[in-house]
Amino acid sequence: MHAIRLHAFGPAGNLTYEEVPEPVPAEGEVRIDVQPGGVHLIETTLRRGLAVGPHEPPALPVTPGGLDAEAAVAVITTGATAQGVLAVAQLTSHDVGLVMSAAGGLGSLFMQAARHAGAVVVGAAGGPAKVGRVRTLGAGIAIDYRDADWPAHVREALDGREVSVVLDGVGGRLGRQALELLGPGGRFLLHGWAAGEPTAITTRDLVERQLTATWAIGPNMVPAGGRRELAARALDEAAAGRLVPLITRFPLERAADAHAALEARETEGKVVLTA
């Protein structure tokens, strides 16, 4: 069989068409015949030896392709949910979007989608390391919401502009502070409450400030094609390099550690167990 191989980072001419051994599936594996293969912009960057978000250049030699197995696991689950929530959010270039838990599995994808939509992106996360990660993922404004004065820092950074949409998976006190940052006519989308309780919202909040609040998980985010269509959209976006899943890896035998780290908010992005 033949494959495209890259032995040295650099220009497109470094890609060579070579004969390689036929892969032999081991027990429990299958061999899949690939007929068409997509070419995506992200591959041209990795080919030059440059990182793309959390994706580092691959070890050489390599056969370029679409997604690796870990990224596919991340986008087919969390990515599908993100696509559904984003369909409800309808972000545009006119928006100032505040993403809570922006270094999380969903939050990191929301930030990238908001940036691609042309919105001003405010990413809020807990602790300096996560704030640094949020900045590398493309947030125009990266904020540590462990700082008691974080809402004031957001207002200062926006310099007169107001938040128009909040994507909130944190809830509790932090979610309420995010709600207070919304300008008149703003949209508040809830998709969870990692703090232990959902953000408190009253009818008075909605009426007096002309806000809308939506629980963005559930039937209203699922298109006619169902979750399968959302998963397909997520895979397409990831393969095209527009959504790059952030991944924290644990070996399978450390599944308990993975759960503990996730509960302690010590992880970034999607947690994946590897064999």
Protein backbone atom coordinates (compact mmCIF):
# COMPACT_ATOMS: atom_id res chain seq x y z
CA MET A 1 0.00 0.00 0.00
CA HIS A 2 1.02 3.65 -0.34
CA ALA A 3 0.88 6.59 2.07
CA ILE A 4 1.96 10.20 2.31
CA ARG A 5 4.87 10.56 4.76
CA LEU A 6 6.59 13.55 6.34
CA HIS A 7 10.21 12.97 7.40
CA ALA A 8 11.21 16.60 8.02
CA PHE A 9 9.20 19.69 8.95
CA GLY A 10 9.07 22.37 6.29
CA PRO A 11 7.39 23.19 2.95
CA ALA A 12 4.75 21.16 1.17
CA GLY A 13 7.44 19.54 -0.98
CA ASN A 14 8.60 17.60 2.09
CA LEU A 15 5.53 15.38 1.79
CA THR A 16 6.49 12.21 -0.08
CA TYR A 17 4.42 9.43 -1.61
CA GLU A 18 5.85 6.14 -0.36
CA GLU A 19 5.14 2.44 -0.28
CA VAL A 20 4.56 1.26 3.29
CA PRO A 21 3.79 -2.16 4.81
CA GLU A 22 0.16 -3.27 4.94
CA PRO A 23 -1.11 -2.77 8.50
CA VAL A 24 -2.05 -6.02 10.24
CA PRO A 25 -4.85 -5.61 12.81
CA ALA A 26 -4.19 -7.10 16.24
CA GLU A 27 -6.82 -8.94 18.26
CA GLY A 28 -9.81 -6.66 18.84
CA GLU A 29 -8.80 -4.28 16.03
CA VAL A 30 -10.06 -3.79 12.47
CA ARG A 31 -8.39 -2.43 9.35
CA ILE A 32 -10.36 0.33 7.61
CA ASP A 33 -9.99 1.07 3.93
CA VAL A 34 -9.64 4.83 3.46
CA GLN A 35 -10.64 6.06 0.01
CA PRO A 36 -11.01 9.88 0.17
CA GLY A 37 -8.87 11.79 2.68
CA GLY A 38 -9.51 15.40 3.70
CA VAL A 39 -6.84 18.09 3.67
CA HIS A 40 -7.20 20.75 6.36
CA LEU A 41 -5.43 24.02 7.08
CA ILE A 42 -4.27 22.83 10.51
CA GLU A 43 -2.19 20.12 8.81
CA THR A 44 -0.20 22.70 6.85
CA THR A 45 0.81 24.42 10.09
CA LEU A 46 1.76 21.19 11.86
CA ARG A 47 3.72 20.15 8.74
CA ARG A 48 5.94 23.21 9.21
CA GLY A 49 6.68 22.12 12.79
CA LEU A 50 4.49 24.75 14.45
CA ALA A 51 2.01 24.16 17.27
CA VAL A 52 -1.71 24.87 16.79
CA GLY A 53 -3.33 25.61 20.15
CA PRO A 54 -2.77 22.52 22.32
CA HIS A 55 -1.70 20.46 19.28
CA GLU A 56 2.08 20.06 19.20
CA PRO A 57 3.96 19.06 16.02
CA PRO A 58 3.92 15.26 15.65
CA ALA A 59 6.87 12.93 16.08
CA LEU A 60 8.52 12.19 12.75
CA PRO A 61 8.12 10.39 10.44
CA VAL A 62 4.35 10.79 10.31
CA THR A 63 1.47 10.21 7.93
CA PRO A 64 -0.69 13.37 8.12
CA GLY A 65 -4.43 12.81 8.65
CA GLY A 66 -7.36 14.14 10.38
CA LEU A 67 -7.94 13.66 14.04
CA ASP A 68 -6.12 11.38 16.40
CA ALA A 69 -8.17 9.06 18.61
CA GLU A 70 -7.95 11.25 21.71
CA ALA A 71 -9.18 14.36 19.90
CA ALA A 72 -11.99 12.34 18.33
CA VAL A 73 -13.12 11.13 21.77
CA ALA A 74 -13.14 14.72 23.01
CA VAL A 75 -15.10 16.24 20.14
CA ILE A 76 -17.61 13.45 19.62
CA THR A 77 -18.92 13.91 23.17
CA THR A 78 -18.09 17.33 24.60
CA GLY A 79 -17.77 18.78 21.10
CA ALA A 80 -21.26 17.63 20.18
CA THR A 81 -22.70 19.31 23.28
CA ALA A 82 -20.74 22.47 22.48
CA GLN A 83 -22.18 22.55 18.95
CA GLY A 84 -25.71 22.32 20.36
CA VAL A 85 -25.18 25.12 22.89
CA LEU A 86 -23.55 27.31 20.25
CA ALA A 87 -26.53 26.80 17.96
CA VAL A 88 -28.69 28.28 20.72
CA ALA A 89 -26.22 31.10 21.45
CA GLN A 90 -26.05 32.33 17.82
CA LEU A 91 -22.85 34.29 18.39
CA THR A 92 -22.01 37.06 15.91
CA SER A 93 -19.27 39.62 15.35
CA HIS A 94 -21.42 42.14 17.25
CA ASP A 95 -21.22 40.15 20.49
CA VAL A 96 -19.04 40.48 23.54
CA GLY A 97 -19.05 36.96 24.90
CA LEU A 98 -18.13 36.00 28.47
CA VAL A 99 -17.23 32.33 28.79
CA MET A 100 -17.15 30.95 32.32
CA SER A 101 -14.83 28.01 33.11
CA ALA A 102 -13.08 28.91 29.90
CA ALA A 103 -10.28 26.36 30.37
CA GLY A 104 -12.79 23.49 30.66
CA GLY A 105 -13.84 21.03 28.01
CA LEU A 106 -16.86 23.05 26.88
CA GLY A 107 -15.50 26.48 27.74
CA SER A 108 -12.37 26.07 25.63
CA LEU A 109 -14.50 25.14 22.61
CA PHE A 110 -16.93 28.02 23.22
CA MET A 111 -14.05 30.48 23.23
CA GLN A 112 -12.69 29.24 19.93
CA ALA A 113 -16.13 29.34 18.31
CA ALA A 114 -16.75 32.87 19.60
CA ARG A 115 -13.39 34.00 18.22
CA HIS A 116 -14.14 32.46 14.82
CA ALA A 117 -17.52 34.25 14.84
CA GLY A 118 -15.66 37.54 15.26
CA ALA A 119 -16.94 38.24 18.77
CA VAL A 120 -14.92 39.91 21.50
CA VAL A 121 -14.03 36.99 23.78
CA VAL A 122 -13.72 37.26 27.56
CA GLY A 123 -12.51 34.01 29.13
CA ALA A 124 -12.83 33.52 32.89
CA ALA A 125 -11.09 30.66 34.68
CA GLY A 126 -9.70 29.80 38.11
CA GLY A 127 -6.00 30.33 38.81
CA PRO A 128 -3.01 31.78 36.92
CA ALA A 129 -2.18 28.58 35.00
CA LYS A 130 -5.69 28.27 33.59
CA VAL A 131 -5.86 31.97 32.81
CA GLY A 132 -2.63 31.58 30.84
CA ARG A 133 -4.15 28.67 28.94
CA VAL A 134 -7.29 30.71 28.20
CA ARG A 135 -5.10 33.43 26.74
CA THR A 136 -3.30 30.98 24.45
CA LEU A 137 -6.66 29.69 23.22
CA GLY A 138 -7.50 33.12 21.84
CA ALA A 139 -9.32 35.08 24.53
CA GLY A 140 -8.95 38.80 23.97
CA ILE A 141 -9.46 39.24 27.71
CA ALA A 142 -8.45 36.50 30.18
CA ILE A 143 -9.65 36.88 33.77
CA ASP A 144 -9.05 34.94 37.01
CA TYR A 145 -12.44 34.62 38.70
CA ARG A 146 -10.77 33.62 41.95
CA ASP A 147 -9.92 37.31 42.28
CA ALA A 148 -12.69 38.92 44.33
CA ASP A 149 -12.65 41.98 42.04
CA TRP A 150 -12.79 40.05 38.76
CA PRO A 151 -16.02 41.72 37.50
CA ALA A 152 -14.38 45.13 37.90
CA HIS A 153 -11.39 43.90 35.91
CA VAL A 154 -13.72 42.77 33.11
CA ARG A 155 -15.43 46.16 32.99
CA GLU A 156 -12.09 47.94 32.95
CA ALA A 157 -10.76 45.75 30.15
CA LEU A 158 -13.90 46.25 28.04
CA ASP A 159 -13.48 50.03 28.34
CA GLY A 160 -17.13 50.98 28.00
CA ARG A 161 -18.39 48.00 26.02
CA GLU A 162 -20.84 45.66 27.74
CA VAL A 163 -21.09 41.89 27.77
CA SER A 164 -23.90 40.79 25.44
CA VAL A 165 -23.84 37.01 26.02
CA VAL A 166 -22.71 34.78 28.88
CA LEU A 167 -22.06 31.05 28.56
CA ASP A 168 -22.28 29.81 32.15
CA GLY A 169 -21.46 26.31 33.34
CA VAL A 170 -20.33 27.38 36.81
CA GLY A 171 -23.41 28.76 38.54
CA GLY A 172 -23.53 29.87 42.15
CA ARG A 173 -21.96 33.17 43.19
CA LEU A 174 -19.70 33.36 40.15
CA GLY A 175 -22.60 32.80 37.79
CA ARG A 176 -24.52 35.58 39.49
CA GLN A 177 -21.55 37.93 39.11
CA ALA A 178 -21.43 37.05 35.41
CA LEU A 179 -25.14 37.86 35.11
CA GLU A 180 -24.52 41.29 36.63
CA LEU A 181 -22.02 42.02 33.85
CA LEU A 182 -24.65 41.63 31.12
CA GLY A 183 -25.76 44.79 29.41
CA PRO A 184 -29.40 45.56 28.53
CA GLY A 185 -30.79 43.02 26.08
CA GLY A 186 -28.09 40.51 26.93
CA ARG A 187 -28.41 36.72 26.67
CA PHE A 188 -27.55 34.35 29.51
CA LEU A 189 -27.10 30.70 28.57
CA LEU A 190 -26.78 28.11 31.32
CA HIS A 191 -25.30 24.68 30.65
CA GLY A 192 -24.38 23.47 34.14
CA TRP A 193 -23.47 24.44 37.69
CA ALA A 194 -20.02 23.19 38.69
CA ALA A 195 -20.27 25.37 41.83
CA GLY A 196 -23.01 23.08 43.18
CA GLU A 197 -26.05 25.25 42.49
CA PRO A 198 -27.39 27.00 39.39
CA THR A 199 -27.10 30.75 38.93
CA ALA A 200 -29.97 32.52 40.68
CA ILE A 201 -32.04 34.50 38.18
CA THR A 202 -35.29 36.29 38.94
CA THR A 203 -38.10 37.50 36.71
CA ARG A 204 -37.20 41.01 37.86
CA ASP A 205 -33.70 40.56 36.39
CA LEU A 206 -35.21 39.71 33.02
CA VAL A 207 -37.85 42.43 33.00
CA GLU A 208 -35.85 45.36 34.36
CA ARG A 209 -32.78 44.74 32.20
CA GLN A 210 -34.51 43.20 29.14
CA LEU A 211 -32.43 40.04 29.47
CA THR A 212 -33.12 36.55 28.17
CA ALA A 213 -32.05 33.45 30.08
CA THR A 214 -31.98 29.99 28.51
CA TRP A 215 -31.21 26.53 29.78
CA ALA A 216 -29.14 25.59 26.74
CA ILE A 217 -28.89 21.83 27.34
CA GLY A 218 -31.69 19.59 26.13
CA PRO A 219 -34.30 19.49 23.37
CA ASN A 220 -33.87 23.08 22.20
CA MET A 221 -30.22 22.46 21.27
CA VAL A 222 -30.79 19.23 19.34
CA PRO A 223 -31.48 19.63 15.59
CA ALA A 224 -33.76 17.42 13.56
CA GLY A 225 -30.86 15.04 12.97
CA GLY A 226 -30.39 14.50 16.70
CA ARG A 227 -27.12 14.18 18.58
CA ARG A 228 -25.57 12.27 15.70
CA GLU A 229 -25.77 15.42 13.60
CA LEU A 230 -24.17 17.45 16.39
CA ALA A 231 -21.34 14.93 16.65
CA ALA A 232 -20.80 15.09 12.89
CA ARG A 233 -20.65 18.89 13.03
CA ALA A 234 -18.12 18.75 15.87
CA LEU A 235 -15.91 16.28 14.02
CA ASP A 236 -16.04 18.43 10.88
CA GLU A 237 -15.08 21.56 12.82
CA ALA A 238 -12.21 19.76 14.56
CA ALA A 239 -10.93 18.15 11.36
CA ALA A 240 -10.91 21.57 9.70
CA GLY A 241 -8.86 22.97 12.58
CA ARG A 242 -11.51 25.47 13.68
CA LEU A 243 -12.08 23.69 17.00
CA VAL A 244 -9.05 22.23 18.77
CA PRO A 245 -10.03 20.23 21.86
CA LEU A 246 -8.01 20.86 25.00
CA ILE A 247 -7.17 17.49 26.59
CA THR A 248 -5.88 16.29 29.97
CA ARG A 249 -4.66 12.69 29.74
CA PHE A 250 -4.58 9.98 32.40
CA PRO A 251 -3.56 6.34 31.89
CA LEU A 252 -6.44 3.92 32.30
CA GLU A 253 -5.10 2.55 35.57
CA ARG A 254 -5.31 6.06 37.06
CA ALA A 255 -9.03 6.50 36.42
CA ALA A 256 -9.58 7.25 40.12
CA ASP A 257 -6.98 10.03 39.94
CA ALA A 258 -8.74 11.42 36.88
CA HIS A 259 -12.04 11.63 38.73
CA ALA A 260 -10.39 13.24 41.76
CA ALA A 261 -8.55 15.81 39.64
CA LEU A 262 -11.73 16.67 37.75
CA GLU A 263 -13.69 17.16 40.98
CA ALA A 264 -10.89 19.33 42.38
CA ARG A 265 -10.87 21.47 39.21
CA GLU A 266 -7.24 20.58 38.54
CA THR A 267 -7.77 19.58 34.90
CA GLU A 268 -7.94 21.54 31.67
CA GLY A 269 -10.30 20.72 28.83
CA LYS A 270 -11.64 17.21 28.29
CA VAL A 271 -10.30 14.43 30.52
CA VAL A 272 -9.34 11.34 28.50
CA LEU A 273 -8.23 7.92 29.72
CA THR A 274 -5.55 6.31 27.57
CA ALA A 275 -4.69 2.63 27.28
